Amino acid sequence: MPIQTTDKIWHNGSLIPWADANIHVMSHVVHYGSSVFEGIRAYTQGEKAGVFRLREHMQRFIDSARIYRMPLPYTLDQLMEAVVSVVETNGVAPCYIRPVAFRGYGEIGVNPLKSPVEIYIANFPWGKYMPGHQGADVCVSSWNRLAPNTMPSLAKAGANYMNSQLIRMEAEINGYAEGIALDRNGYLSEGSGENLFLVREGKLLTSPLANSVLNGITRASVIQIARELGIEVIEQAMPREMLYLCDEAFFTGTAAEVSHLRSVDRIVIGDGTMGPVTKQLHDEFFALVNGTTADRFGWLTPVNVKVEEAEAVTA
């Protein structure tokens, strides 16, 4: 089922029709994967709507571009205003928001410096990315995450997601919802597009950024919520077998939100249901983003959108 479109897309400072957001086939990004992007959600809180951790997402967008020597001619505040503008113009909430910057039509060849930088920001309705309360059945992938000093894991770059595609396709072909990658040393890294958390004896465990892990915004949010709730958080390198010994496991991410795992490699985690620590974090996360508890962290940027029930479409 195709992604539901909206009316306008932000392009280099202007709002243009969705159908006009096109690039040339000889654009640098088509041949060499020279893009960085973000995934952001806007949630509804009753009759109001808010973009989740907009500042942090757009700062990571700028940081990713900086790593790849891709200058963005807009400030953080201007990019945040652009996101709010496109959401409000299209009048769609809840929604998924996709900012992307890439090297456009310029000089062919690996060197990107003579190709112009294009920036687009789109938004559209989107539903659940992972299975809901029943949990996801996942596997350990045969594909490792990229080694340090090969491709920068801290950059959310399009080229990095060729690795993610291999992980995800392998999992799906073999009957799993998702794959978990190991790093080059055989330690747990993350899913194809999600950060990974385990629970063991009431403690929350996650891999450090050094294990080829993206610095996830939802990951950081869950860690902050856990510490506020008095749950001990340990960031440490973990061997594969911890997946089979843990009491609970879940993914986090803008798309995945907080999604618990039912099994890994056909080995059931706990009793297969959402465990108590995962449920506490899951419920608190959604209470915050959906407005049933106060936004005490200041994570939601208000947008002026008439909230209506829209059909949720999964990509």
C-alpha atoms as a PDB file:
ATOM      1  CA  MET A   1       0.000   0.000   0.000  1.00  0.00           C
ATOM      2  CA  PRO A   2       1.560   3.352  -0.989  1.00  0.00           C
ATOM      3  CA  ILE A   3       2.422   6.066   1.483  1.00  0.00           C
ATOM      4  CA  GLN A   4      -0.363   8.620   1.752  1.00  0.00           C
ATOM      5  CA  THR A   5       0.783  11.923   0.299  1.00  0.00           C
ATOM      6  CA  THR A   6       0.236  15.459   1.546  1.00  0.00           C
ATOM      7  CA  ASP A   7      -0.086  18.731  -0.369  1.00  0.00           C
ATOM      8  CA  LYS A   8       3.238  20.481   0.152  1.00  0.00           C
ATOM      9  CA  ILE A   9       6.922  19.701   0.665  1.00  0.00           C
ATOM     10  CA  TRP A  10       9.486  22.213   1.935  1.00  0.00           C
ATOM     11  CA  HIS A  11      12.381  22.629  -0.523  1.00  0.00           C
ATOM     12  CA  ASN A  12      15.302  24.983   0.064  1.00  0.00           C
ATOM     13  CA  GLY A  13      13.149  27.569   1.834  1.00  0.00           C
ATOM     14  CA  SER A  14       9.929  27.304  -0.203  1.00  0.00           C
ATOM     15  CA  LEU A  15       6.803  25.165  -0.030  1.00  0.00           C
ATOM     16  CA  ILE A  16       6.224  23.330  -3.316  1.00  0.00           C
ATOM     17  CA  PRO A  17       3.574  20.819  -4.481  1.00  0.00           C
ATOM     18  CA  TRP A  18       4.293  17.202  -3.515  1.00  0.00           C
ATOM     19  CA  ALA A  19       4.333  16.142  -7.176  1.00  0.00           C
ATOM     20  CA  ASP A  20       7.000  18.732  -8.016  1.00  0.00           C
ATOM     21  CA  ALA A  21       9.563  17.384  -5.515  1.00  0.00           C
ATOM     22  CA  ASN A  22      11.761  15.676  -8.102  1.00  0.00           C
ATOM     23  CA  ILE A  23      15.491  15.241  -8.707  1.00  0.00           C
ATOM     24  CA  HIS A  24      17.576  14.564 -11.801  1.00  0.00           C
ATOM     25  CA  VAL A  25      18.657  10.980 -12.440  1.00  0.00           C
ATOM     26  CA  MET A  26      22.269  12.191 -12.623  1.00  0.00           C
ATOM     27  CA  SER A  27      22.149  13.681  -9.117  1.00  0.00           C
ATOM     28  CA  HIS A  28      25.164  12.706  -7.036  1.00  0.00           C
ATOM     29  CA  VAL A  29      22.974  11.055  -4.389  1.00  0.00           C
ATOM     30  CA  VAL A  30      21.555   8.570  -6.918  1.00  0.00           C
ATOM     31  CA  HIS A  31      25.003   7.252  -7.800  1.00  0.00           C
ATOM     32  CA  TYR A  32      26.917   7.573  -4.524  1.00  0.00           C
ATOM     33  CA  GLY A  33      24.371   7.620  -1.700  1.00  0.00           C
ATOM     34  CA  SER A  34      25.356  11.121  -0.548  1.00  0.00           C
ATOM     35  CA  SER A  35      22.436  11.969   1.732  1.00  0.00           C
ATOM     36  CA  VAL A  36      21.626  12.499   5.403  1.00  0.00           C
ATOM     37  CA  PHE A  37      18.151  12.434   6.854  1.00  0.00           C
ATOM     38  CA  GLU A  38      15.951  12.371   9.930  1.00  0.00           C
ATOM     39  CA  GLY A  39      12.772  10.594  10.983  1.00  0.00           C
ATOM     40  CA  ILE A  40      10.523  12.583  13.332  1.00  0.00           C
ATOM     41  CA  ARG A  41       7.001  12.040  14.642  1.00  0.00           C
ATOM     42  CA  ALA A  42       4.295  14.544  15.484  1.00  0.00           C
ATOM     43  CA  TYR A  43       1.838  13.252  18.062  1.00  0.00           C
ATOM     44  CA  THR A  44      -1.602  14.407  19.080  1.00  0.00           C
ATOM     45  CA  GLN A  45      -2.580  15.316  22.626  1.00  0.00           C
ATOM     46  CA  GLY A  46      -6.349  15.603  22.592  1.00  0.00           C
ATOM     47  CA  GLU A  47      -7.120  18.520  20.276  1.00  0.00           C
ATOM     48  CA  LYS A  48      -3.484  19.650  20.223  1.00  0.00           C
ATOM     49  CA  ALA A  49      -0.439  18.350  18.368  1.00  0.00           C
ATOM     50  CA  GLY A  50       3.289  18.462  19.024  1.00  0.00           C
ATOM     51  CA  VAL A  51       6.503  17.424  17.264  1.00  0.00           C
ATOM     52  CA  PHE A  52       8.579  15.075  19.415  1.00  0.00           C
ATOM     53  CA  ARG A  53      12.073  16.333  20.291  1.00  0.00           C
ATOM     54  CA  LEU A  54      12.290  18.535  17.217  1.00  0.00           C
ATOM     55  CA  ARG A  55      15.388  20.431  18.346  1.00  0.00           C
ATOM     56  CA  GLU A  56      17.359  17.250  19.040  1.00  0.00           C
ATOM     57  CA  HIS A  57      16.378  15.713  15.704  1.00  0.00           C
ATOM     58  CA  MET A  58      17.322  18.763  13.681  1.00  0.00           C
ATOM     59  CA  GLN A  59      20.604  19.159  15.560  1.00  0.00           C
ATOM     60  CA  ARG A  60      21.454  15.563  14.643  1.00  0.00           C
ATOM     61  CA  PHE A  61      20.492  16.403  11.052  1.00  0.00           C
ATOM     62  CA  ILE A  62      22.992  19.271  11.074  1.00  0.00           C
ATOM     63  CA  ASP A  63      25.626  17.094  12.766  1.00  0.00           C
ATOM     64  CA  SER A  64      25.212  14.316  10.178  1.00  0.00           C
ATOM     65  CA  ALA A  65      25.670  16.828   7.363  1.00  0.00           C
ATOM     66  CA  ARG A  66      28.739  18.293   9.065  1.00  0.00           C
ATOM     67  CA  ILE A  67      30.406  14.876   9.308  1.00  0.00           C
ATOM     68  CA  TYR A  68      29.947  14.462   5.547  1.00  0.00           C
ATOM     69  CA  ARG A  69      31.182  18.006   4.769  1.00  0.00           C
ATOM     70  CA  MET A  70      27.737  18.896   3.487  1.00  0.00           C
ATOM     71  CA  PRO A  71      27.101  22.554   4.413  1.00  0.00           C
ATOM     72  CA  LEU A  72      23.460  23.402   5.186  1.00  0.00           C
ATOM     73  CA  PRO A  73      22.636  27.084   4.537  1.00  0.00           C
ATOM     74  CA  TYR A  74      20.092  27.222   7.363  1.00  0.00           C
ATOM     75  CA  THR A  75      20.371  27.587  11.129  1.00  0.00           C
ATOM     76  CA  LEU A  76      18.933  25.109  13.608  1.00  0.00           C
ATOM     77  CA  ASP A  77      16.056  27.485  14.380  1.00  0.00           C
ATOM     78  CA  GLN A  78      15.312  27.974  10.673  1.00  0.00           C
ATOM     79  CA  LEU A  79      15.178  24.229  10.084  1.00  0.00           C
ATOM     80  CA  MET A  80      12.889  23.778  13.086  1.00  0.00           C
ATOM     81  CA  GLU A  81      10.622  26.523  11.751  1.00  0.00           C
ATOM     82  CA  ALA A  82      10.581  24.767   8.380  1.00  0.00           C
ATOM     83  CA  VAL A  83       9.355  21.531   9.986  1.00  0.00           C
ATOM     84  CA  VAL A  84       6.587  23.357  11.842  1.00  0.00           C
ATOM     85  CA  SER A  85       5.660  25.192   8.628  1.00  0.00           C
ATOM     86  CA  VAL A  86       5.234  22.072   6.521  1.00  0.00           C
ATOM     87  CA  VAL A  87       3.228  20.263   9.234  1.00  0.00           C
ATOM     88  CA  GLU A  88       0.938  23.237   9.735  1.00  0.00           C
ATOM     89  CA  THR A  89       0.542  23.862   5.986  1.00  0.00           C
ATOM     90  CA  ASN A  90      -0.447  20.266   5.304  1.00  0.00           C
ATOM     91  CA  GLY A  91      -2.626  20.138   8.411  1.00  0.00           C
ATOM     92  CA  VAL A  92      -1.881  16.483   9.101  1.00  0.00           C
ATOM     93  CA  ALA A  93      -1.397  15.138  12.629  1.00  0.00           C
ATOM     94  CA  PRO A  94      -0.379  12.663  13.855  1.00  0.00           C
ATOM     95  CA  CYS A  95       2.259  12.245  11.178  1.00  0.00           C
ATOM     96  CA  TYR A  96       5.778  11.192  10.283  1.00  0.00           C
ATOM     97  CA  ILE A  97       8.243  13.884   9.191  1.00  0.00           C
ATOM     98  CA  ARG A  98      11.187  13.276   6.869  1.00  0.00           C
ATOM     99  CA  PRO A  99      13.892  15.953   6.456  1.00  0.00           C
ATOM    100  CA  VAL A 100      16.561  14.953   3.937  1.00  0.00           C
ATOM    101  CA  ALA A 101      19.654  16.727   2.593  1.00  0.00           C
ATOM    102  CA  PHE A 102      21.578  15.361  -0.363  1.00  0.00           C
ATOM    103  CA  ARG A 103      24.067  16.163  -3.081  1.00  0.00           C
ATOM    104  CA  GLY A 104      22.137  17.071  -6.196  1.00  0.00           C
ATOM    105  CA  TYR A 105      22.810  17.491  -9.898  1.00  0.00           C
ATOM    106  CA  GLY A 106      26.347  18.747 -10.402  1.00  0.00           C
ATOM    107  CA  GLU A 107      29.563  16.999 -11.345  1.00  0.00           C
ATOM    108  CA  ILE A 108      29.569  13.235 -11.833  1.00  0.00           C
ATOM    109  CA  GLY A 109      32.291  11.400  -9.919  1.00  0.00           C
ATOM    110  CA  VAL A 110      32.948  10.301  -6.363  1.00  0.00           C
ATOM    111  CA  ASN A 111      34.052  13.781  -5.226  1.00  0.00           C
ATOM    112  CA  PRO A 112      30.815  15.441  -4.038  1.00  0.00           C
ATOM    113  CA  LEU A 113      32.116  18.948  -3.421  1.00  0.00           C
ATOM    114  CA  LYS A 114      30.986  20.384  -6.767  1.00  0.00           C
ATOM    115  CA  SER A 115      27.436  19.075  -6.435  1.00  0.00           C
ATOM    116  CA  PRO A 116      24.833  21.389  -4.844  1.00  0.00           C
ATOM    117  CA  VAL A 117      23.172  20.507  -1.542  1.00  0.00           C
ATOM    118  CA  GLU A 118      19.391  20.154  -1.708  1.00  0.00           C
ATOM    119  CA  ILE A 119      17.124  20.044   1.372  1.00  0.00           C
ATOM    120  CA  TYR A 120      13.570  18.732   1.434  1.00  0.00           C
ATOM    121  CA  ILE A 121      11.160  18.267   4.348  1.00  0.00           C
ATOM    122  CA  ALA A 122       8.032  16.153   3.894  1.00  0.00           C
ATOM    123  CA  ASN A 123       5.360  14.848   6.247  1.00  0.00           C
ATOM    124  CA  PHE A 124       2.620  12.248   5.882  1.00  0.00           C
ATOM    125  CA  PRO A 125       0.387   9.981   7.988  1.00  0.00           C
ATOM    126  CA  TRP A 126       2.074   6.788   9.141  1.00  0.00           C
ATOM    127  CA  GLY A 127       1.054   4.000  11.453  1.00  0.00           C
ATOM    128  CA  LYS A 128       2.918   1.382  13.466  1.00  0.00           C
ATOM    129  CA  TYR A 129       6.296   0.203  12.162  1.00  0.00           C
ATOM    130  CA  MET A 130       6.640  -2.840  14.431  1.00  0.00           C
ATOM    131  CA  PRO A 131       4.079  -5.334  15.795  1.00  0.00           C
ATOM    132  CA  GLY A 132       2.118  -4.014  18.760  1.00  0.00           C
ATOM    133  CA  HIS A 133       1.555  -5.639  22.144  1.00  0.00           C
ATOM    134  CA  GLN A 134       1.946  -9.162  20.763  1.00  0.00           C
ATOM    135  CA  GLY A 135       5.676  -8.503  20.328  1.00  0.00           C
ATOM    136  CA  ALA A 136       8.105  -9.038  17.474  1.00  0.00           C
ATOM    137  CA  ASP A 137       9.906 -12.228  16.523  1.00  0.00           C
ATOM    138  CA  VAL A 138      13.432 -11.248  15.489  1.00  0.00           C
ATOM    139  CA  CYS A 139      16.730 -12.893  14.576  1.00  0.00           C
ATOM    140  CA  VAL A 140      20.447 -12.212  14.766  1.00  0.00           C
ATOM    141  CA  SER A 141      21.564 -11.106  11.329  1.00  0.00           C
ATOM    142  CA  SER A 142      24.432 -12.603   9.384  1.00  0.00           C
ATOM    143  CA  TRP A 143      25.332  -9.004   8.447  1.00  0.00           C
ATOM    144  CA  ASN A 144      27.449  -7.032  10.906  1.00  0.00           C
ATOM    145  CA  ARG A 145      27.186  -3.320  11.552  1.00  0.00           C
ATOM    146  CA  LEU A 146      29.844  -1.154   9.939  1.00  0.00           C
ATOM    147  CA  ALA A 147      33.221  -1.121  11.652  1.00  0.00           C
ATOM    148  CA  PRO A 148      34.481   2.126  13.209  1.00  0.00           C
ATOM    149  CA  ASN A 149      36.398   4.338  10.792  1.00  0.00           C
ATOM    150  CA  THR A 150      34.707   2.824   7.751  1.00  0.00           C
ATOM    151  CA  MET A 151      31.368   4.675   7.743  1.00  0.00           C
ATOM    152  CA  PRO A 152      30.414   7.029  10.599  1.00  0.00           C
ATOM    153  CA  SER A 153      27.712   5.435  12.754  1.00  0.00           C
ATOM    154  CA  LEU A 154      26.886   8.756  14.407  1.00  0.00           C
ATOM    155  CA  ALA A 155      25.765  10.169  11.053  1.00  0.00           C
ATOM    156  CA  LYS A 156      22.246   9.254   9.993  1.00  0.00           C
ATOM    157  CA  ALA A 157      23.324   8.875   6.391  1.00  0.00           C
ATOM    158  CA  GLY A 158      21.480   7.248   3.523  1.00  0.00           C
ATOM    159  CA  ALA A 159      24.504   5.182   2.498  1.00  0.00           C
ATOM    160  CA  ASN A 160      24.636   3.546   5.936  1.00  0.00           C
ATOM    161  CA  TYR A 161      21.154   2.177   5.350  1.00  0.00           C
ATOM    162  CA  MET A 162      22.300  -0.103   2.547  1.00  0.00           C
ATOM    163  CA  ASN A 163      23.660  -2.166   5.441  1.00  0.00           C
ATOM    164  CA  SER A 164      20.283  -1.815   7.174  1.00  0.00           C
ATOM    165  CA  GLN A 165      18.463  -2.997   4.061  1.00  0.00           C
ATOM    166  CA  LEU A 166      20.496  -6.201   3.957  1.00  0.00           C
ATOM    167  CA  ILE A 167      19.680  -6.851   7.625  1.00  0.00           C
ATOM    168  CA  ARG A 168      15.964  -6.173   7.171  1.00  0.00           C
ATOM    169  CA  MET A 169      15.540  -8.115   3.922  1.00  0.00           C
ATOM    170  CA  GLU A 170      17.337 -11.168   5.292  1.00  0.00           C
ATOM    171  CA  ALA A 171      15.112 -11.139   8.377  1.00  0.00           C
ATOM    172  CA  GLU A 172      11.880 -10.770   6.419  1.00  0.00           C
ATOM    173  CA  ILE A 173      12.764 -13.457   3.856  1.00  0.00           C
ATOM    174  CA  ASN A 174      13.415 -15.853   6.749  1.00  0.00           C
ATOM    175  CA  GLY A 175      10.106 -15.086   8.446  1.00  0.00           C
ATOM    176  CA  TYR A 176      11.197 -12.567  11.101  1.00  0.00           C
ATOM    177  CA  ALA A 177       9.963  -9.044  11.756  1.00  0.00           C
ATOM    178  CA  GLU A 178      13.473  -7.622  12.128  1.00  0.00           C
ATOM    179  CA  GLY A 179      17.150  -8.486  12.442  1.00  0.00           C
ATOM    180  CA  ILE A 180      19.673  -7.597  15.151  1.00  0.00           C
ATOM    181  CA  ALA A 181      23.195  -6.839  13.976  1.00  0.00           C
ATOM    182  CA  LEU A 182      26.426  -7.480  15.824  1.00  0.00           C
ATOM    183  CA  ASP A 183      29.379  -5.123  15.631  1.00  0.00           C
ATOM    184  CA  ARG A 184      32.728  -6.125  14.111  1.00  0.00           C
ATOM    185  CA  ASN A 185      33.817  -7.682  17.444  1.00  0.00           C
ATOM    186  CA  GLY A 186      30.695  -9.804  17.790  1.00  0.00           C
ATOM    187  CA  TYR A 187      28.968  -7.663  20.416  1.00  0.00           C
ATOM    188  CA  LEU A 188      25.323  -6.596  20.177  1.00  0.00           C
ATOM    189  CA  SER A 189      24.829  -3.435  18.155  1.00  0.00           C
ATOM    190  CA  GLU A 190      21.255  -2.595  17.054  1.00  0.00           C
ATOM    191  CA  GLY A 191      18.431  -3.451  14.667  1.00  0.00           C
ATOM    192  CA  SER A 192      18.294  -2.307  11.055  1.00  0.00           C
ATOM    193  CA  GLY A 193      16.641   0.933  12.142  1.00  0.00           C
ATOM    194  CA  GLU A 194      16.220   0.654  15.895  1.00  0.00           C
ATOM    195  CA  ASN A 195      18.256   0.773  19.088  1.00  0.00           C
ATOM    196  CA  LEU A 196      18.193  -2.296  21.303  1.00  0.00           C
ATOM    197  CA  PHE A 197      17.516  -2.618  25.040  1.00  0.00           C
ATOM    198  CA  LEU A 198      17.602  -5.701  27.268  1.00  0.00           C
ATOM    199  CA  VAL A 199      16.323  -6.156  30.820  1.00  0.00           C
ATOM    200  CA  ARG A 200      18.103  -8.502  33.208  1.00  0.00           C
ATOM    201  CA  GLU A 201      17.190  -8.756  36.900  1.00  0.00           C
ATOM    202  CA  GLY A 202      15.381  -5.419  36.750  1.00  0.00           C
ATOM    203  CA  LYS A 203      18.323  -3.540  35.219  1.00  0.00           C
ATOM    204  CA  LEU A 204      18.132  -1.864  31.825  1.00  0.00           C
ATOM    205  CA  LEU A 205      21.029  -2.761  29.518  1.00  0.00           C
ATOM    206  CA  THR A 206      21.956  -1.197  26.191  1.00  0.00           C
ATOM    207  CA  SER A 207      24.981  -1.115  23.922  1.00  0.00           C
ATOM    208  CA  PRO A 208      27.178   2.010  24.050  1.00  0.00           C
ATOM    209  CA  LEU A 209      27.629   4.194  20.997  1.00  0.00           C
ATOM    210  CA  ALA A 210      31.093   2.659  20.493  1.00  0.00           C
ATOM    211  CA  ASN A 211      29.395  -0.567  19.341  1.00  0.00           C
ATOM    212  CA  SER A 212      28.457   1.045  15.987  1.00  0.00           C
ATOM    213  CA  VAL A 213      25.209   2.375  17.444  1.00  0.00           C
ATOM    214  CA  LEU A 214      23.282   5.394  16.181  1.00  0.00           C
ATOM    215  CA  ASN A 215      22.750   8.019  18.871  1.00  0.00           C
ATOM    216  CA  GLY A 216      18.995   7.509  18.887  1.00  0.00           C
ATOM    217  CA  ILE A 217      16.691  10.279  20.090  1.00  0.00           C
ATOM    218  CA  THR A 218      14.107   7.802  21.387  1.00  0.00           C
ATOM    219  CA  ARG A 219      16.959   5.788  22.941  1.00  0.00           C
ATOM    220  CA  ALA A 220      18.083   8.844  24.898  1.00  0.00           C
ATOM    221  CA  SER A 221      14.471   9.574  25.883  1.00  0.00           C
ATOM    222  CA  VAL A 222      13.913   6.068  27.262  1.00  0.00           C
ATOM    223  CA  ILE A 223      17.175   6.245  29.221  1.00  0.00           C
ATOM    224  CA  GLN A 224      16.071   9.566  30.744  1.00  0.00           C
ATOM    225  CA  ILE A 225      12.630   8.191  31.622  1.00  0.00           C
ATOM    226  CA  ALA A 226      14.163   5.041  33.142  1.00  0.00           C
ATOM    227  CA  ARG A 227      16.518   6.998  35.375  1.00  0.00           C
ATOM    228  CA  GLU A 228      13.687   9.228  36.542  1.00  0.00           C
ATOM    229  CA  LEU A 229      11.691   6.105  37.432  1.00  0.00           C
ATOM    230  CA  GLY A 230      14.617   4.725  39.438  1.00  0.00           C
ATOM    231  CA  ILE A 231      15.519   1.980  36.959  1.00  0.00           C
ATOM    232  CA  GLU A 232      19.267   1.341  36.808  1.00  0.00           C
ATOM    233  CA  VAL A 233      20.631   1.897  33.293  1.00  0.00           C
ATOM    234  CA  ILE A 234      23.870   0.203  32.222  1.00  0.00           C
ATOM    235  CA  GLU A 235      25.545   0.965  28.885  1.00  0.00           C
ATOM    236  CA  GLN A 236      28.006  -1.820  28.169  1.00  0.00           C
ATOM    237  CA  ALA A 237      29.187  -4.146  25.429  1.00  0.00           C
ATOM    238  CA  MET A 238      27.067  -7.312  25.472  1.00  0.00           C
ATOM    239  CA  PRO A 239      27.693 -10.702  23.850  1.00  0.00           C
ATOM    240  CA  ARG A 240      25.084 -12.286  21.603  1.00  0.00           C
ATOM    241  CA  GLU A 241      24.016 -14.832  24.200  1.00  0.00           C
ATOM    242  CA  MET A 242      22.576 -12.061  26.385  1.00  0.00           C
ATOM    243  CA  LEU A 243      19.676 -12.072  23.936  1.00  0.00           C
ATOM    244  CA  TYR A 244      18.831 -15.595  25.092  1.00  0.00           C
ATOM    245  CA  LEU A 245      19.423 -14.934  28.799  1.00  0.00           C
ATOM    246  CA  CYS A 246      17.614 -11.633  29.249  1.00  0.00           C
ATOM    247  CA  ASP A 247      14.226 -11.336  30.919  1.00  0.00           C
ATOM    248  CA  GLU A 248      12.895  -8.715  28.506  1.00  0.00           C
ATOM    249  CA  ALA A 249      13.990  -7.007  25.296  1.00  0.00           C
ATOM    250  CA  PHE A 250      12.688  -4.124  23.219  1.00  0.00           C
ATOM    251  CA  PHE A 251      13.534  -1.814  20.348  1.00  0.00           C
ATOM    252  CA  THR A 252      13.357   1.971  20.377  1.00  0.00           C
ATOM    253  CA  GLY A 253      13.282   4.424  17.495  1.00  0.00           C
ATOM    254  CA  THR A 254      11.180   7.131  15.914  1.00  0.00           C
ATOM    255  CA  ALA A 255       9.453   4.568  13.710  1.00  0.00           C
ATOM    256  CA  ALA A 256       9.527   1.663  16.199  1.00  0.00           C
ATOM    257  CA  GLU A 257       8.765   3.905  19.228  1.00  0.00           C
ATOM    258  CA  VAL A 258       8.984   1.376  22.118  1.00  0.00           C
ATOM    259  CA  SER A 259       8.370  -2.128  20.730  1.00  0.00           C
ATOM    260  CA  HIS A 260       8.884  -5.260  22.777  1.00  0.00           C
ATOM    261  CA  LEU A 261      10.473  -8.416  21.395  1.00  0.00           C
ATOM    262  CA  ARG A 262       8.748 -11.754  21.844  1.00  0.00           C
ATOM    263  CA  SER A 263      11.563 -14.011  20.655  1.00  0.00           C
ATOM    264  CA  VAL A 264      15.070 -14.045  19.209  1.00  0.00           C
ATOM    265  CA  ASP A 265      16.133 -16.868  16.878  1.00  0.00           C
ATOM    266  CA  ARG A 266      12.943 -18.737  17.894  1.00  0.00           C
ATOM    267  CA  ILE A 267      13.948 -18.584  21.559  1.00  0.00           C
ATOM    268  CA  VAL A 268      11.132 -16.980  23.561  1.00  0.00           C
ATOM    269  CA  ILE A 269      12.147 -14.057  25.784  1.00  0.00           C
ATOM    270  CA  GLY A 270      10.674 -14.487  29.247  1.00  0.00           C
ATOM    271  CA  ASP A 271       7.111 -15.716  28.749  1.00  0.00           C
ATOM    272  CA  GLY A 272       6.812 -13.905  25.418  1.00  0.00           C
ATOM    273  CA  THR A 273       4.677 -11.065  26.727  1.00  0.00           C
ATOM    274  CA  MET A 274       5.708  -7.480  27.430  1.00  0.00           C
ATOM    275  CA  GLY A 275       7.660  -7.586  30.700  1.00  0.00           C
ATOM    276  CA  PRO A 276       7.099  -5.224  33.644  1.00  0.00           C
ATOM    277  CA  VAL A 277      10.094  -2.940  33.018  1.00  0.00           C
ATOM    278  CA  THR A 278       9.353  -2.670  29.303  1.00  0.00           C
ATOM    279  CA  LYS A 279       5.686  -1.985  30.053  1.00  0.00           C
ATOM    280  CA  GLN A 280       6.549   0.736  32.544  1.00  0.00           C
ATOM    281  CA  LEU A 281       8.800   2.479  30.036  1.00  0.00           C
ATOM    282  CA  HIS A 282       6.394   1.890  27.140  1.00  0.00           C
ATOM    283  CA  ASP A 283       3.424   3.293  29.039  1.00  0.00           C
ATOM    284  CA  GLU A 284       5.331   6.316  30.341  1.00  0.00           C
ATOM    285  CA  PHE A 285       6.696   7.111  26.887  1.00  0.00           C
ATOM    286  CA  PHE A 286       3.246   7.070  25.299  1.00  0.00           C
ATOM    287  CA  ALA A 287       1.704   8.963  28.196  1.00  0.00           C
ATOM    288  CA  LEU A 288       4.221  11.748  27.539  1.00  0.00           C
ATOM    289  CA  VAL A 289       3.830  11.920  23.768  1.00  0.00           C
ATOM    290  CA  ASN A 290       0.051  11.498  23.807  1.00  0.00           C
ATOM    291  CA  GLY A 291      -0.482  14.105  26.512  1.00  0.00           C
ATOM    292  CA  THR A 292      -2.024  11.960  29.225  1.00  0.00           C
ATOM    293  CA  THR A 293       0.800  13.106  31.487  1.00  0.00           C
ATOM    294  CA  ALA A 294       2.490  16.510  31.539  1.00  0.00           C
ATOM    295  CA  ASP A 295       5.337  17.223  29.121  1.00  0.00           C
ATOM    296  CA  ARG A 296       7.730  17.709  32.034  1.00  0.00           C
ATOM    297  CA  PHE A 297      10.823  17.408  29.824  1.00  0.00           C
ATOM    298  CA  GLY A 298       9.704  19.976  27.259  1.00  0.00           C
ATOM    299  CA  TRP A 299       9.969  17.419  24.458  1.00  0.00           C
ATOM    300  CA  LEU A 300       6.964  18.504  22.367  1.00  0.00           C
ATOM    301  CA  THR A 301       7.059  21.501  20.025  1.00  0.00           C
ATOM    302  CA  PRO A 302       3.449  22.714  19.508  1.00  0.00           C
ATOM    303  CA  VAL A 303       2.051  22.834  15.971  1.00  0.00           C
ATOM    304  CA  ASN A 304      -1.169  24.539  14.963  1.00  0.00           C
ATOM    305  CA  VAL A 305      -3.023  21.673  13.298  1.00  0.00           C
ATOM    306  CA  LYS A 306      -6.673  20.737  13.381  1.00  0.00           C
ATOM    307  CA  VAL A 307      -6.511  17.228  14.803  1.00  0.00           C
ATOM    308  CA  GLU A 308      -8.702  14.785  12.915  1.00  0.00           C
ATOM    309  CA  GLU A 309      -8.866  11.029  12.702  1.00  0.00           C
ATOM    310  CA  ALA A 310      -6.748  10.151   9.658  1.00  0.00           C
ATOM    311  CA  GLU A 311      -6.175   6.732   8.148  1.00  0.00           C
ATOM    312  CA  ALA A 312      -2.838   5.379   9.386  1.00  0.00           C
ATOM    313  CA  VAL A 313      -0.800   3.960   6.536  1.00  0.00           C
ATOM    314  CA  THR A 314       2.251   1.762   7.074  1.00  0.00           C
ATOM    315  CA  ALA A 315       5.123   1.894   4.623  1.00  0.00           C
END
